[in-house]
Every structure is written in C-alpha cells, then in structure tokens.
C-alpha cells in the first residue's frame, strides 16, 4: 500500500516526470539548499523574461543524462517576481498549478522556483513538488534554455526523491 502511494505521488510529481528509476534519493537531504533558489532579499524584477512562454520540458535521468520524457508546459513570469506554471504532463486533477517566484541574476540569466501539490486518482493529497532552475535567455529575448532540479515531498514534508529537468522556452506572442 505504501509503495503504491509513493508511486502515485511521483506520478503526480512534475508531470509524469519521474519513474522510480529517476529518483535520486541518495542525494536527497531534507531542509538542504536546492540549486538555483532565489535570494528574495535582493529581488530584481522586470526585464525581458516577463510574459508567457511555451515550454518544452524534458525529464532527465540525473546519473546518465538520458531523456526519460518530454511534454509541453505553459509558464507565465509576472512583473514583481511571481510566476504560474501549467503542464500537459499529467492530468490537472492530479496536481495544482505551479506557483512560485523568479528573479534576474546577471545579464540574460534568471532563476525561478515553484511549488505544486499532488493528488492520487482518489483525490487524496499525496505531497508536493518544488521545481527550480536557472534560465539563460537569448539576446533577442524570444527564447530561453534552462536546467534545474525537482524535489518530491510526502504529506509530512519528508524529502522522498529528487530529479533533473531541462526546458526550452519560446515566447508566446501574436
């Protein structure tokens, strides 16, 4: 039963993104810093990242670098440093929209971090996921690449696994 709940939780992770083979629990450390976490004490907002982006997400097996799954998502970077994420990777009934923060770091580089809650097919809360990444925006401001990590938590806040992700974004425009 417990194994089934963990599998349901992971399936509700950052879209069907991680199978048990992708989880890297040996490096999971509760409460530890996660790559790219925004420093909210010096948030800078504005700039060319603001707007809505079509994003192709690739779930990566961290140790091998092999792509496990890809799917489209939609991400909105809002003035003031907040963001909203929606994905086609899993049915909306199994996760909430991702809500988070972003900031400019230097030049064409940004970081973001968002969180969403996961549910199983019986509508039972199974935990949450925190995804974060570093973005490199191209010179014209119409596309970006990013790489980052995901951390999976159970309903008690225990870190149960981590994963890797890369994304390619193109501005949603007229």
N, C-alpha and C. Protein backbone atom coordinates (compact mmCIF):
# COMPACT_ATOMS: atom_id res chain seq x y z
N UNK A 1 0.83 -1.19 0.00
CA UNK A 1 0.00 0.00 0.00
C UNK A 1 0.87 1.26 0.00
N UNK A 2 1.88 1.29 0.90
CA UNK A 2 2.75 2.45 0.98
C UNK A 2 3.50 2.66 -0.34
N UNK A 3 3.97 1.57 -0.95
CA UNK A 3 4.68 1.66 -2.23
C UNK A 3 3.76 2.22 -3.31
N UNK A 4 2.48 1.83 -3.30
CA UNK A 4 1.52 2.33 -4.29
C UNK A 4 1.31 3.84 -4.10
N UNK A 5 1.24 4.29 -2.84
CA UNK A 5 1.08 5.72 -2.58
C UNK A 5 2.29 6.52 -3.05
N UNK A 6 3.49 5.99 -2.83
CA UNK A 6 4.69 6.68 -3.29
C UNK A 6 4.68 6.77 -4.81
N UNK A 7 4.33 5.67 -5.49
CA UNK A 7 4.29 5.70 -6.95
C UNK A 7 3.24 6.69 -7.44
N UNK A 8 2.09 6.75 -6.78
CA UNK A 8 1.05 7.70 -7.18
C UNK A 8 1.55 9.13 -6.97
N UNK A 9 2.25 9.36 -5.88
CA UNK A 9 2.78 10.69 -5.61
C UNK A 9 3.78 11.10 -6.69
N UNK A 10 4.69 10.22 -7.04
CA UNK A 10 5.71 10.53 -8.04
C UNK A 10 5.06 10.76 -9.39
N UNK A 11 4.05 9.96 -9.72
CA UNK A 11 3.35 10.16 -10.99
C UNK A 11 2.71 11.54 -11.01
N UNK A 12 2.36 12.05 -9.85
CA UNK A 12 1.79 13.38 -9.77
C UNK A 12 2.85 14.43 -9.57
N UNK A 13 4.12 14.06 -9.61
CA UNK A 13 5.23 14.99 -9.48
C UNK A 13 5.26 15.94 -10.64
N UNK A 14 6.33 16.44 -11.02
CA UNK A 14 6.41 17.40 -12.11
C UNK A 14 6.05 16.67 -13.38
N UNK A 15 4.80 16.49 -13.53
CA UNK A 15 4.18 15.74 -14.62
C UNK A 15 4.72 14.33 -14.59
N UNK A 16 4.29 13.43 -15.16
CA UNK A 16 4.63 12.02 -15.09
C UNK A 16 6.14 11.86 -15.14
N UNK A 17 6.78 12.86 -14.65
CA UNK A 17 8.18 13.04 -14.92
C UNK A 17 9.12 12.04 -14.32
N UNK A 18 8.84 11.56 -13.17
CA UNK A 18 9.84 10.67 -12.60
C UNK A 18 9.27 9.29 -12.36
N UNK A 19 9.97 8.33 -12.88
CA UNK A 19 9.67 6.95 -12.53
C UNK A 19 10.63 6.57 -11.41
N UNK A 20 10.45 5.46 -10.82
CA UNK A 20 11.31 5.09 -9.70
C UNK A 20 12.78 5.05 -10.10
N UNK A 21 13.08 4.80 -11.36
CA UNK A 21 14.47 4.77 -11.82
C UNK A 21 15.11 6.14 -11.89
N UNK A 22 14.31 7.21 -11.89
CA UNK A 22 14.85 8.55 -11.99
C UNK A 22 15.12 9.14 -10.63
N UNK A 23 14.44 8.67 -9.62
CA UNK A 23 14.62 9.22 -8.28
C UNK A 23 16.05 9.05 -7.83
N UNK A 24 16.59 10.09 -7.28
CA UNK A 24 17.96 10.06 -6.77
C UNK A 24 17.89 10.32 -5.28
N UNK A 25 17.46 9.33 -4.54
CA UNK A 25 17.26 9.52 -3.11
C UNK A 25 18.57 9.54 -2.34
N UNK A 26 19.66 9.09 -2.95
CA UNK A 26 20.92 9.09 -2.22
C UNK A 26 21.43 10.51 -1.99
N UNK A 27 21.02 11.47 -2.83
CA UNK A 27 21.48 12.85 -2.64
C UNK A 27 20.40 13.71 -2.02
N UNK A 28 19.26 13.15 -1.69
CA UNK A 28 18.17 13.92 -1.10
C UNK A 28 18.51 14.23 0.35
N UNK A 29 18.47 15.52 0.68
CA UNK A 29 18.77 15.93 2.03
C UNK A 29 17.67 16.86 2.52
N UNK A 30 16.91 16.45 3.50
CA UNK A 30 15.83 17.29 3.99
C UNK A 30 16.35 18.64 4.45
N UNK A 31 15.63 19.68 4.07
CA UNK A 31 15.95 21.02 4.54
C UNK A 31 17.18 21.64 3.93
N UNK A 32 17.90 20.93 3.08
CA UNK A 32 19.11 21.47 2.48
C UNK A 32 18.80 22.41 1.34
N UNK A 33 19.76 23.27 0.96
CA UNK A 33 19.53 24.18 -0.13
C UNK A 33 19.42 23.41 -1.45
N UNK A 34 18.63 23.94 -2.35
CA UNK A 34 18.45 23.34 -3.65
C UNK A 34 18.96 24.32 -4.69
N UNK A 35 19.65 23.82 -5.69
CA UNK A 35 20.27 24.64 -6.73
C UNK A 35 19.31 25.70 -7.26
N UNK A 36 19.81 26.91 -7.40
CA UNK A 36 19.07 27.97 -8.06
C UNK A 36 18.01 28.65 -7.23
N UNK A 37 17.94 28.39 -5.94
CA UNK A 37 16.89 29.01 -5.14
C UNK A 37 17.07 30.51 -5.13
N UNK A 38 15.99 31.25 -5.43
CA UNK A 38 16.11 32.70 -5.47
C UNK A 38 16.48 33.29 -4.12
N UNK A 39 17.28 34.34 -4.16
CA UNK A 39 17.63 35.10 -2.98
C UNK A 39 16.63 36.24 -2.91
N UNK A 40 15.57 36.07 -2.14
CA UNK A 40 14.48 37.03 -2.13
C UNK A 40 14.86 38.33 -1.43
N UNK A 41 16.01 38.40 -0.81
CA UNK A 41 16.40 39.64 -0.15
C UNK A 41 16.83 40.69 -1.16
N UNK A 42 17.13 40.29 -2.38
CA UNK A 42 17.55 41.26 -3.39
C UNK A 42 16.82 41.03 -4.71
N UNK A 43 15.50 40.83 -4.63
CA UNK A 43 14.72 40.53 -5.82
C UNK A 43 14.75 41.72 -6.77
N UNK A 44 15.10 41.44 -8.03
CA UNK A 44 15.02 42.42 -9.09
C UNK A 44 13.94 41.93 -10.04
N UNK A 45 13.08 42.82 -10.45
CA UNK A 45 12.00 42.38 -11.33
C UNK A 45 12.07 43.13 -12.64
N UNK A 46 11.19 42.76 -13.52
CA UNK A 46 11.14 43.41 -14.83
C UNK A 46 12.09 42.73 -15.78
N UNK A 47 12.30 43.35 -16.91
CA UNK A 47 13.21 42.79 -17.88
C UNK A 47 12.51 41.89 -18.87
N UNK A 48 13.29 41.37 -19.79
CA UNK A 48 12.71 40.66 -20.92
C UNK A 48 12.12 39.29 -20.61
N UNK A 49 12.28 38.76 -19.42
CA UNK A 49 11.70 37.45 -19.11
C UNK A 49 10.19 37.54 -18.87
N UNK A 50 9.71 38.69 -18.43
CA UNK A 50 8.28 38.83 -18.15
C UNK A 50 7.46 38.44 -19.36
N UNK A 51 6.37 37.71 -19.11
CA UNK A 51 5.47 37.31 -20.18
C UNK A 51 5.14 35.84 -20.08
N UNK A 52 4.48 35.35 -21.12
CA UNK A 52 4.04 33.96 -21.17
C UNK A 52 4.90 33.19 -22.16
N UNK A 53 5.25 31.97 -21.79
CA UNK A 53 6.20 31.16 -22.56
C UNK A 53 5.65 29.77 -22.83
N UNK A 54 5.79 29.33 -24.09
CA UNK A 54 5.59 27.92 -24.44
C UNK A 54 6.88 27.21 -24.07
N UNK A 55 6.78 26.16 -23.28
CA UNK A 55 7.97 25.50 -22.76
C UNK A 55 7.91 24.00 -23.08
N UNK A 56 8.99 23.47 -23.60
CA UNK A 56 9.13 22.03 -23.79
C UNK A 56 9.99 21.50 -22.64
N UNK A 57 9.40 20.67 -21.81
CA UNK A 57 10.07 20.13 -20.62
C UNK A 57 10.64 18.76 -20.95
N UNK A 58 11.87 18.52 -20.57
CA UNK A 58 12.49 17.20 -20.70
C UNK A 58 12.89 16.71 -19.32
N UNK A 59 12.38 15.55 -18.96
CA UNK A 59 12.73 14.92 -17.69
C UNK A 59 13.98 14.10 -17.95
N UNK A 60 14.99 14.30 -17.13
CA UNK A 60 16.31 13.72 -17.34
C UNK A 60 16.64 12.75 -16.21
N UNK A 61 17.20 11.60 -16.57
CA UNK A 61 17.77 10.70 -15.58
C UNK A 61 19.09 11.34 -15.14
N UNK A 62 19.13 11.84 -13.92
CA UNK A 62 20.29 12.61 -13.44
C UNK A 62 21.62 11.90 -13.64
N UNK A 63 21.77 10.64 -13.24
CA UNK A 63 23.08 10.00 -13.36
C UNK A 63 23.55 9.81 -14.81
N UNK A 64 22.61 9.50 -15.73
CA UNK A 64 23.03 9.19 -17.10
C UNK A 64 22.86 10.35 -18.07
N UNK A 65 21.98 11.30 -17.74
CA UNK A 65 21.68 12.38 -18.67
C UNK A 65 20.70 12.01 -19.75
N UNK A 66 20.17 10.78 -19.71
CA UNK A 66 19.21 10.32 -20.72
C UNK A 66 17.85 10.98 -20.51
N UNK A 67 17.21 11.36 -21.61
CA UNK A 67 15.86 11.94 -21.56
C UNK A 67 14.86 10.81 -21.33
N UNK A 68 14.01 10.98 -20.33
CA UNK A 68 13.02 9.97 -19.99
C UNK A 68 11.67 10.31 -20.60
N UNK A 69 11.30 11.58 -20.57
CA UNK A 69 10.01 12.01 -21.10
C UNK A 69 10.10 13.48 -21.48
N UNK A 70 9.28 13.90 -22.44
CA UNK A 70 9.15 15.31 -22.79
C UNK A 70 7.67 15.64 -22.92
N UNK A 71 7.33 16.89 -22.63
CA UNK A 71 5.95 17.34 -22.74
C UNK A 71 5.92 18.86 -22.72
N UNK A 72 4.88 19.45 -23.30
CA UNK A 72 4.77 20.91 -23.29
C UNK A 72 4.16 21.44 -21.99
N UNK A 73 4.56 22.63 -21.64
CA UNK A 73 4.01 23.35 -20.50
C UNK A 73 3.83 24.81 -20.90
N UNK A 74 3.15 25.55 -20.05
CA UNK A 74 2.96 26.98 -20.25
C UNK A 74 3.38 27.66 -18.95
N UNK A 75 4.27 28.64 -19.06
CA UNK A 75 4.79 29.33 -17.87
C UNK A 75 4.61 30.82 -18.06
N UNK A 76 4.13 31.49 -17.00
CA UNK A 76 3.96 32.94 -17.03
C UNK A 76 4.84 33.56 -15.95
N UNK A 77 5.78 34.41 -16.38
CA UNK A 77 6.62 35.18 -15.47
C UNK A 77 6.00 36.56 -15.35
N UNK A 78 5.55 36.90 -14.15
CA UNK A 78 4.76 38.09 -13.90
C UNK A 78 5.64 39.18 -13.28
N UNK A 79 5.38 40.45 -13.68
CA UNK A 79 6.08 41.58 -13.09
C UNK A 79 5.96 41.51 -11.57
N UNK A 80 7.04 41.80 -10.89
CA UNK A 80 7.05 41.73 -9.44
C UNK A 80 7.72 40.47 -8.92
N UNK A 81 8.01 39.51 -9.83
CA UNK A 81 8.77 38.33 -9.43
C UNK A 81 7.96 37.11 -9.08
N UNK A 82 6.69 37.03 -9.49
CA UNK A 82 5.92 35.81 -9.28
C UNK A 82 5.75 35.07 -10.60
N UNK A 83 5.34 33.82 -10.52
CA UNK A 83 5.16 33.01 -11.74
C UNK A 83 4.06 31.99 -11.53
N UNK A 84 3.51 31.52 -12.66
CA UNK A 84 2.50 30.46 -12.67
C UNK A 84 2.90 29.45 -13.73
N UNK A 85 2.74 28.17 -13.42
CA UNK A 85 3.10 27.09 -14.34
C UNK A 85 1.90 26.16 -14.52
N UNK A 86 1.68 25.73 -15.76
CA UNK A 86 0.67 24.71 -16.07
C UNK A 86 1.33 23.73 -17.04
N UNK A 87 1.03 22.44 -16.89
CA UNK A 87 1.69 21.44 -17.72
C UNK A 87 0.69 20.48 -18.35
N UNK A 88 1.09 19.93 -19.47
CA UNK A 88 0.30 18.87 -20.10
C UNK A 88 0.81 17.50 -19.68
N UNK A 89 1.84 17.48 -18.86
CA UNK A 89 2.49 16.23 -18.49
C UNK A 89 1.65 15.30 -17.65
N UNK A 90 0.68 15.83 -16.90
CA UNK A 90 -0.23 14.98 -16.13
C UNK A 90 -1.60 15.64 -16.12
N UNK A 91 -2.64 14.88 -15.87
CA UNK A 91 -3.98 15.47 -15.82
C UNK A 91 -4.09 16.50 -14.70
N UNK A 92 -4.81 17.59 -14.95
CA UNK A 92 -4.94 18.64 -13.93
C UNK A 92 -5.54 18.15 -12.61
N UNK A 93 -6.30 17.08 -12.63
CA UNK A 93 -6.88 16.57 -11.38
C UNK A 93 -5.83 16.00 -10.44
N UNK A 94 -4.61 15.74 -10.95
CA UNK A 94 -3.58 15.13 -10.12
C UNK A 94 -2.56 16.13 -9.58
N UNK A 95 -2.69 17.41 -9.97
CA UNK A 95 -1.78 18.42 -9.43
C UNK A 95 -2.40 19.79 -9.52
N UNK A 96 -1.97 20.67 -8.65
CA UNK A 96 -2.39 22.06 -8.74
C UNK A 96 -1.47 22.78 -9.72
N UNK A 97 -1.86 23.96 -10.19
CA UNK A 97 -0.89 24.74 -10.98
C UNK A 97 0.32 25.06 -10.11
N UNK A 98 1.47 25.16 -10.76
CA UNK A 98 2.66 25.56 -10.03
C UNK A 98 2.64 27.07 -9.79
N UNK A 99 2.95 27.47 -8.59
CA UNK A 99 3.02 28.88 -8.25
C UNK A 99 4.37 29.14 -7.61
N UNK A 100 5.02 30.26 -8.03
CA UNK A 100 6.35 30.47 -7.49
C UNK A 100 6.88 31.87 -7.70
N UNK A 101 8.21 31.93 -7.66
CA UNK A 101 8.93 33.20 -7.72
C UNK A 101 10.06 33.10 -8.74
N UNK A 102 10.48 34.25 -9.24
CA UNK A 102 11.61 34.31 -10.16
C UNK A 102 12.35 35.62 -9.92
N UNK A 103 13.60 35.65 -10.38
CA UNK A 103 14.36 36.90 -10.30
C UNK A 103 15.48 36.89 -11.33
N UNK A 104 15.91 38.08 -11.67
CA UNK A 104 17.05 38.29 -12.55
C UNK A 104 18.31 38.11 -11.73
N UNK A 105 19.33 37.44 -12.28
CA UNK A 105 20.59 37.31 -11.56
C UNK A 105 21.64 38.21 -12.19
N UNK A 106 22.06 37.94 -13.41
CA UNK A 106 23.02 38.80 -14.13
C UNK A 106 22.76 38.66 -15.62
N UNK A 107 23.06 39.70 -16.38
CA UNK A 107 22.96 39.63 -17.84
C UNK A 107 21.63 39.06 -18.29
N UNK A 108 21.68 37.97 -19.04
CA UNK A 108 20.47 37.29 -19.52
C UNK A 108 20.14 36.06 -18.70
N UNK A 109 20.55 36.05 -17.44
CA UNK A 109 20.33 34.90 -16.56
C UNK A 109 19.29 35.20 -15.49
N UNK A 110 18.49 34.18 -15.21
CA UNK A 110 17.41 34.28 -14.23
C UNK A 110 17.36 32.97 -13.46
N UNK A 111 16.70 32.98 -12.32
CA UNK A 111 16.38 31.77 -11.58
C UNK A 111 14.90 31.80 -11.24
N UNK A 112 14.32 30.61 -11.10
CA UNK A 112 12.94 30.53 -10.65
C UNK A 112 12.78 29.32 -9.75
N UNK A 113 11.68 29.36 -9.00
CA UNK A 113 11.34 28.27 -8.10
C UNK A 113 9.83 28.25 -7.95
N UNK A 114 9.21 27.08 -8.15
CA UNK A 114 7.77 26.98 -7.95
C UNK A 114 7.41 25.69 -7.24
N UNK A 115 6.19 25.69 -6.70
CA UNK A 115 5.70 24.56 -5.91
C UNK A 115 4.30 24.20 -6.38
N UNK A 116 4.01 22.90 -6.39
CA UNK A 116 2.64 22.47 -6.62
C UNK A 116 2.32 21.28 -5.73
N UNK A 117 1.02 21.09 -5.48
CA UNK A 117 0.55 19.99 -4.66
C UNK A 117 0.09 18.86 -5.56
N UNK A 118 0.26 17.62 -5.09
CA UNK A 118 -0.08 16.42 -5.87
C UNK A 118 -1.18 15.62 -5.17
N UNK A 119 -1.95 14.91 -6.00
CA UNK A 119 -3.06 14.09 -5.53
C UNK A 119 -3.04 12.76 -6.28
N UNK A 120 -3.60 11.72 -5.68
CA UNK A 120 -3.72 10.46 -6.41
C UNK A 120 -5.06 10.43 -7.13
N UNK A 121 -5.35 9.33 -7.80
CA UNK A 121 -6.58 9.25 -8.59
C UNK A 121 -7.84 9.18 -7.73
N UNK A 122 -7.69 9.00 -6.42
CA UNK A 122 -8.84 9.05 -5.49
C UNK A 122 -8.99 10.43 -4.87
N UNK A 123 -8.27 11.42 -5.42
CA UNK A 123 -8.30 12.80 -4.93
C UNK A 123 -7.73 12.96 -3.53
N UNK A 124 -6.83 12.09 -3.15
CA UNK A 124 -6.18 12.17 -1.84
C UNK A 124 -4.85 12.90 -2.01
N UNK A 125 -4.61 13.88 -1.16
CA UNK A 125 -3.37 14.64 -1.15
C UNK A 125 -2.19 13.70 -0.92
N UNK A 126 -1.17 13.76 -1.79
CA UNK A 126 -0.02 12.86 -1.66
C UNK A 126 1.28 13.58 -1.36
N UNK A 127 1.29 14.91 -1.42
CA UNK A 127 2.51 15.66 -1.12
C UNK A 127 2.66 16.84 -2.04
N UNK A 128 3.91 17.28 -2.20
CA UNK A 128 4.18 18.41 -3.08
C UNK A 128 5.52 18.25 -3.74
N UNK A 129 5.71 19.06 -4.76
CA UNK A 129 6.96 19.09 -5.52
C UNK A 129 7.44 20.54 -5.59
N UNK A 130 8.74 20.72 -5.46
CA UNK A 130 9.35 22.03 -5.68
C UNK A 130 10.32 21.87 -6.84
N UNK A 131 10.12 22.69 -7.87
CA UNK A 131 10.99 22.69 -9.04
C UNK A 131 11.72 24.02 -9.10
N UNK A 132 12.96 23.99 -9.50
CA UNK A 132 13.72 25.23 -9.65
C UNK A 132 14.77 25.06 -10.72
N UNK A 133 15.09 26.18 -11.35
CA UNK A 133 16.03 26.10 -12.46
C UNK A 133 16.71 27.45 -12.68
N UNK A 134 17.76 27.40 -13.45
CA UNK A 134 18.48 28.59 -13.91
C UNK A 134 18.19 28.74 -15.39
N UNK A 135 17.80 29.95 -15.78
CA UNK A 135 17.42 30.25 -17.16
C UNK A 135 18.51 31.07 -17.83
N UNK A 136 18.76 30.77 -19.10
CA UNK A 136 19.62 31.60 -19.94
C UNK A 136 18.76 32.08 -21.11
N UNK A 137 18.43 33.36 -21.10
CA UNK A 137 17.60 33.99 -22.12
C UNK A 137 18.47 34.38 -23.30
N UNK A 138 17.98 34.16 -24.54
CA UNK A 138 18.78 34.54 -25.70
C UNK A 138 18.81 36.07 -25.84
N UNK A 139 19.69 36.58 -26.69
CA UNK A 139 19.92 38.02 -26.82
C UNK A 139 18.69 38.78 -27.29
N UNK A 140 17.83 38.16 -28.09
CA UNK A 140 16.64 38.84 -28.59
C UNK A 140 15.45 38.73 -27.64
N UNK A 141 15.58 37.93 -26.58
CA UNK A 141 14.52 37.81 -25.59
C UNK A 141 13.32 37.00 -26.03
N UNK A 142 13.48 36.18 -27.09
CA UNK A 142 12.33 35.41 -27.56
C UNK A 142 12.46 33.90 -27.31
N UNK A 143 13.55 33.46 -26.70
CA UNK A 143 13.67 32.04 -26.33
C UNK A 143 14.65 31.91 -25.16
N UNK A 144 14.55 30.78 -24.48
CA UNK A 144 15.48 30.50 -23.39
C UNK A 144 15.70 29.01 -23.26
N UNK A 145 16.78 28.68 -22.57
CA UNK A 145 17.05 27.31 -22.15
C UNK A 145 17.22 27.35 -20.63
N UNK A 146 16.90 26.23 -20.00
CA UNK A 146 17.04 26.17 -18.54
C UNK A 146 17.36 24.74 -18.12
N UNK A 147 18.02 24.64 -16.99
CA UNK A 147 18.23 23.33 -16.38
C UNK A 147 18.04 23.48 -14.89
N UNK A 148 17.54 22.42 -14.28
CA UNK A 148 17.27 22.52 -12.86
C UNK A 148 16.98 21.19 -12.22
N UNK A 149 16.35 21.28 -11.05
CA UNK A 149 16.08 20.10 -10.24
C UNK A 149 14.64 20.13 -9.75
N UNK A 150 14.17 18.98 -9.35
CA UNK A 150 12.89 18.85 -8.69
C UNK A 150 13.10 18.08 -7.39
N UNK A 151 12.33 18.44 -6.39
CA UNK A 151 12.39 17.74 -5.11
C UNK A 151 10.97 17.32 -4.75
N UNK A 152 10.80 16.06 -4.35
CA UNK A 152 9.50 15.49 -4.07
C UNK A 152 9.36 15.26 -2.57
N UNK A 153 8.23 15.73 -2.01
CA UNK A 153 7.98 15.62 -0.58
C UNK A 153 6.68 14.87 -0.34
N UNK A 154 6.65 14.08 0.73
CA UNK A 154 5.41 13.41 1.10
C UNK A 154 4.55 14.38 1.92
N UNK A 155 3.41 13.93 2.38
CA UNK A 155 2.48 14.81 3.09
C UNK A 155 3.01 15.31 4.43
N UNK A 156 4.05 14.67 4.96
CA UNK A 156 4.66 15.10 6.22
C UNK A 156 5.85 16.03 5.99
N UNK A 157 6.16 16.31 4.73
CA UNK A 157 7.29 17.18 4.42
C UNK A 157 8.62 16.47 4.34
N UNK A 158 8.60 15.14 4.29
CA UNK A 158 9.84 14.37 4.16
C UNK A 158 10.24 14.33 2.69
N UNK A 159 11.48 14.67 2.42
CA UNK A 159 12.00 14.58 1.07
C UNK A 159 12.10 13.12 0.67
N UNK A 160 11.41 12.74 -0.41
CA UNK A 160 11.42 11.33 -0.81
C UNK A 160 12.18 11.10 -2.11
N UNK A 161 12.61 12.15 -2.80
CA UNK A 161 13.39 11.96 -4.01
C UNK A 161 13.66 13.27 -4.72
N UNK A 162 14.58 13.20 -5.65
CA UNK A 162 14.92 14.37 -6.46
C UNK A 162 15.03 13.93 -7.92
N UNK A 163 15.00 14.89 -8.79
CA UNK A 163 15.14 14.62 -10.22
C UNK A 163 15.74 15.79 -10.95
N UNK A 164 16.02 15.60 -12.23
CA UNK A 164 16.62 16.64 -13.06
C UNK A 164 15.70 16.97 -14.22
N UNK A 165 15.80 18.19 -14.70
CA UNK A 165 14.93 18.65 -15.77
C UNK A 165 15.67 19.68 -16.61
N UNK A 166 15.39 19.69 -17.92
CA UNK A 166 15.83 20.78 -18.79
C UNK A 166 14.59 21.28 -19.52
N UNK A 167 14.62 22.56 -19.88
CA UNK A 167 13.49 23.14 -20.60
C UNK A 167 14.00 24.06 -21.70
N UNK A 168 13.18 24.20 -22.73
CA UNK A 168 13.41 25.16 -23.79
C UNK A 168 12.14 25.96 -23.93
N UNK A 169 12.23 27.28 -23.81
CA UNK A 169 11.06 28.12 -23.87
C UNK A 169 11.09 29.06 -25.07
N UNK A 170 9.90 29.28 -25.65
CA UNK A 170 9.75 30.29 -26.69
C UNK A 170 8.58 31.19 -26.27
N UNK A 171 8.77 32.46 -26.51
CA UNK A 171 7.77 33.43 -26.08
C UNK A 171 6.44 33.18 -26.78
N UNK A 172 5.35 33.19 -25.99
CA UNK A 172 4.00 33.08 -26.53
C UNK A 172 3.61 34.49 -26.96
N UNK A 173 3.40 34.67 -28.23
CA UNK A 173 3.22 36.01 -28.77
C UNK A 173 2.23 35.98 -29.92
N UNK A 174 1.85 37.16 -30.40
CA UNK A 174 0.97 37.27 -31.56
C UNK A 174 1.70 36.92 -32.83
